[in-house]
Protein backbone atom coordinates (compact mmCIF):
# COMPACT_ATOMS: atom_id res chain seq x y z
CA MET A 1 103.91 105.33 100.59
CA ASN A 2 106.76 106.10 98.22
CA SER A 3 108.24 109.55 98.91
CA HIS A 4 109.40 109.76 95.28
CA ILE A 5 105.84 109.61 93.90
CA ILE A 6 103.38 112.51 94.20
CA THR A 7 99.72 111.64 94.74
CA GLU A 8 96.80 112.93 92.73
CA GLU A 9 95.52 114.74 95.83
CA GLU A 10 98.86 116.48 96.28
CA MET A 11 98.85 117.59 92.65
CA PHE A 12 95.30 118.96 92.98
CA GLU A 13 96.34 120.91 96.07
CA ASP A 14 99.56 122.18 94.49
CA THR A 15 98.07 123.23 91.13
CA GLY A 16 94.68 124.44 92.33
CA PHE A 17 92.87 122.36 89.73
CA ALA A 18 89.54 120.88 90.79
CA ARG A 19 88.98 118.62 87.79
CA ARG A 20 91.01 115.58 86.81
CA GLY A 21 90.81 116.46 83.11
CA ASP A 22 92.41 119.85 83.73
CA LEU A 23 95.22 118.25 85.70
CA ARG A 24 95.82 115.68 82.95
CA LYS A 25 96.01 118.42 80.31
CA TRP A 26 98.49 120.36 82.43
CA LEU A 27 100.66 117.26 82.91
CA ASP A 28 100.51 116.55 79.16
CA ASN A 29 101.37 120.17 78.33
CA GLU A 30 104.37 120.04 80.67
CA GLY A 31 105.55 116.66 79.37
CA VAL A 32 105.18 115.02 82.79
CA PRO A 33 104.71 111.25 82.41
CA TYR A 34 101.91 109.63 84.40
CA ARG A 35 99.71 106.55 84.47
CA ILE A 36 95.97 106.22 84.74
CA GLY A 37 94.82 103.91 87.50
CA ARG A 38 91.53 102.41 88.53
CA GLY A 39 88.64 104.82 88.23
CA GLY A 40 90.70 107.17 86.05
CA ARG A 41 92.95 108.31 88.91
CA ILE A 42 96.26 109.90 87.91
CA CYS A 43 99.10 107.94 89.46
CA GLY A 44 102.75 107.05 89.04
CA VAL A 45 103.96 110.66 88.82
CA ALA A 46 107.57 111.02 89.94
CA VAL A 47 108.19 114.03 92.18
CA GLN A 48 111.33 114.86 90.18
CA GLU A 49 109.43 114.89 86.84
CA TYR A 50 106.54 116.88 88.35
CA ALA A 51 108.92 119.48 89.79
CA LEU A 52 110.38 120.10 86.33
CA GLY A 53 107.01 121.37 85.02
CA SER A 54 106.55 125.13 84.74
CA SER A 55 104.73 127.21 87.33
CA ALA A 56 101.31 125.73 88.08
CA ASP A 57 100.05 129.13 89.22
CA TYR A 58 100.80 130.64 85.82
CA PHE A 59 99.01 127.83 84.02
CA VAL A 60 95.94 127.93 86.28
CA ALA A 61 95.56 131.65 85.66
CA ARG A 62 95.54 131.07 81.89
CA SER A 63 93.41 127.91 81.66
CA THR A 64 90.04 128.25 83.33
CA GLU A 65 87.95 126.87 80.46
CA TRP A 66 89.23 123.31 80.04
CA ASP A 67 86.60 120.62 79.58
CA PRO A 68 86.97 117.48 81.70
CA ILE A 69 88.18 114.40 79.85
């Protein structure tokens, strides 16, 4: 496992999102580059890029009505 890449599971835990579509919209909103892997999994997110996004807690509190992609 590459310690410079954050997993989809880690991002779900960190952000509090339960749906992949919500996580993708947050990443897009924050300008965090990512790739979509097999089965639609979010992958290839660099820890450094992810850490530059704004507070996940703030975004979760404001975005409870996103539709899954």
